[in-house]
Amino acid sequence: MTFFELMAEYMHRMAVLNMTREQLDADPVATTKLLEIRDEINADPTNEITVGLRPRVERLLGHVDWKHEVKS
């Protein structure tokens, strides 16, 4: 991905995460993106960048059972 593609993806994520619940309910594309962000956070619980988005996701979805890093 180029820098501009990464920046566009970041801007899209933040636009979704800054929505109100009412805005999200009215926009099915944004709802899908929010669920993708949630799944991405759960896919890599050690990624500090995506883990930092957890509070914003929980603000919109309510409590989420997050996966945690498994220490061996």
C-alpha atoms as a PDB file:
ATOM      1  CA  MET A   1       0.000   0.000   0.000  1.00  0.00           C
ATOM      2  CA  THR A   2       1.156   3.478  -0.732  1.00  0.00           C
ATOM      3  CA  PHE A   3       1.290   6.213   1.860  1.00  0.00           C
ATOM      4  CA  PHE A   4      -1.806   7.816   0.372  1.00  0.00           C
ATOM      5  CA  GLU A   5      -3.779   4.571   0.497  1.00  0.00           C
ATOM      6  CA  LEU A   6      -2.790   4.094   4.136  1.00  0.00           C
ATOM      7  CA  MET A   7      -3.759   7.683   4.938  1.00  0.00           C
ATOM      8  CA  ALA A   8      -7.132   7.265   3.223  1.00  0.00           C
ATOM      9  CA  GLU A   9      -7.782   4.079   5.213  1.00  0.00           C
ATOM     10  CA  TYR A  10      -6.834   5.840   8.459  1.00  0.00           C
ATOM     11  CA  MET A  11      -9.126   8.783   7.662  1.00  0.00           C
ATOM     12  CA  HIS A  12     -12.015   6.422   6.891  1.00  0.00           C
ATOM     13  CA  ARG A  13     -11.512   4.567  10.189  1.00  0.00           C
ATOM     14  CA  MET A  14     -11.393   7.762  12.208  1.00  0.00           C
ATOM     15  CA  ALA A  15     -14.479   9.128  10.440  1.00  0.00           C
ATOM     16  CA  VAL A  16     -16.386   6.010  11.502  1.00  0.00           C
ATOM     17  CA  LEU A  17     -14.981   6.009  15.043  1.00  0.00           C
ATOM     18  CA  ASN A  18     -15.919   9.675  15.543  1.00  0.00           C
ATOM     19  CA  MET A  19     -19.570   9.115  14.573  1.00  0.00           C
ATOM     20  CA  THR A  20     -22.404   9.156  17.069  1.00  0.00           C
ATOM     21  CA  ARG A  21     -24.487   6.037  17.604  1.00  0.00           C
ATOM     22  CA  GLU A  22     -27.399   7.654  15.721  1.00  0.00           C
ATOM     23  CA  GLN A  23     -25.196   8.413  12.704  1.00  0.00           C
ATOM     24  CA  LEU A  24     -23.842   4.877  12.747  1.00  0.00           C
ATOM     25  CA  ASP A  25     -27.336   3.367  12.880  1.00  0.00           C
ATOM     26  CA  ALA A  26     -28.283   5.358   9.767  1.00  0.00           C
ATOM     27  CA  ASP A  27     -25.214   4.275   7.763  1.00  0.00           C
ATOM     28  CA  PRO A  28     -24.868   0.528   7.049  1.00  0.00           C
ATOM     29  CA  VAL A  29     -21.486   0.991   5.337  1.00  0.00           C
ATOM     30  CA  ALA A  30     -20.084   2.662   8.456  1.00  0.00           C
ATOM     31  CA  THR A  31     -21.548  -0.094  10.633  1.00  0.00           C
ATOM     32  CA  THR A  32     -19.784  -2.690   8.498  1.00  0.00           C
ATOM     33  CA  LYS A  33     -16.515  -0.748   8.776  1.00  0.00           C
ATOM     34  CA  LEU A  34     -16.880  -0.553  12.574  1.00  0.00           C
ATOM     35  CA  LEU A  35     -17.291  -4.324  12.762  1.00  0.00           C
ATOM     36  CA  GLU A  36     -14.233  -4.762  10.514  1.00  0.00           C
ATOM     37  CA  ILE A  37     -12.219  -2.550  12.874  1.00  0.00           C
ATOM     38  CA  ARG A  38     -13.409  -4.633  15.849  1.00  0.00           C
ATOM     39  CA  ASP A  39     -12.396  -7.846  14.067  1.00  0.00           C
ATOM     40  CA  GLU A  40      -8.995  -6.393  13.151  1.00  0.00           C
ATOM     41  CA  ILE A  41      -8.337  -5.514  16.792  1.00  0.00           C
ATOM     42  CA  ASN A  42      -9.242  -9.064  17.846  1.00  0.00           C
ATOM     43  CA  ALA A  43      -7.119 -10.587  15.078  1.00  0.00           C
ATOM     44  CA  ASP A  44      -3.919  -9.092  16.531  1.00  0.00           C
ATOM     45  CA  PRO A  45      -4.284  -8.298  20.244  1.00  0.00           C
ATOM     46  CA  THR A  46      -0.598  -7.321  20.454  1.00  0.00           C
ATOM     47  CA  ASN A  47      -0.805  -4.496  17.891  1.00  0.00           C
ATOM     48  CA  GLU A  48      -0.519  -1.314  19.950  1.00  0.00           C
ATOM     49  CA  ILE A  49      -2.081   0.861  17.253  1.00  0.00           C
ATOM     50  CA  THR A  50      -5.299  -1.100  16.824  1.00  0.00           C
ATOM     51  CA  VAL A  51      -5.573  -1.889  20.543  1.00  0.00           C
ATOM     52  CA  GLY A  52      -5.567   1.868  21.143  1.00  0.00           C
ATOM     53  CA  LEU A  53      -8.829   2.060  19.188  1.00  0.00           C
ATOM     54  CA  ARG A  54     -10.676  -0.209  21.652  1.00  0.00           C
ATOM     55  CA  PRO A  55     -12.251   2.621  23.706  1.00  0.00           C
ATOM     56  CA  ARG A  56     -13.686   4.234  20.579  1.00  0.00           C
ATOM     57  CA  VAL A  57     -15.127   0.924  19.374  1.00  0.00           C
ATOM     58  CA  GLU A  58     -16.643   0.229  22.806  1.00  0.00           C
ATOM     59  CA  ARG A  59     -18.183   3.706  22.890  1.00  0.00           C
ATOM     60  CA  LEU A  60     -20.179   2.759  19.791  1.00  0.00           C
ATOM     61  CA  LEU A  61     -20.799  -0.958  20.335  1.00  0.00           C
ATOM     62  CA  GLY A  62     -20.961  -1.189  24.103  1.00  0.00           C
ATOM     63  CA  HIS A  63     -18.941  -3.807  25.977  1.00  0.00           C
ATOM     64  CA  VAL A  64     -16.864  -6.073  23.729  1.00  0.00           C
ATOM     65  CA  ASP A  65     -15.149  -9.290  24.860  1.00  0.00           C
ATOM     66  CA  TRP A  66     -11.663  -8.643  23.511  1.00  0.00           C
ATOM     67  CA  LYS A  67      -9.121 -11.345  22.841  1.00  0.00           C
ATOM     68  CA  HIS A  68      -5.954 -10.973  24.850  1.00  0.00           C
ATOM     69  CA  GLU A  69      -2.361 -11.898  24.163  1.00  0.00           C
ATOM     70  CA  VAL A  70      -1.636 -15.476  25.155  1.00  0.00           C
ATOM     71  CA  LYS A  71       1.648 -15.765  27.025  1.00  0.00           C
ATOM     72  CA  SER A  72       3.421 -19.092  26.832  1.00  0.00           C
END
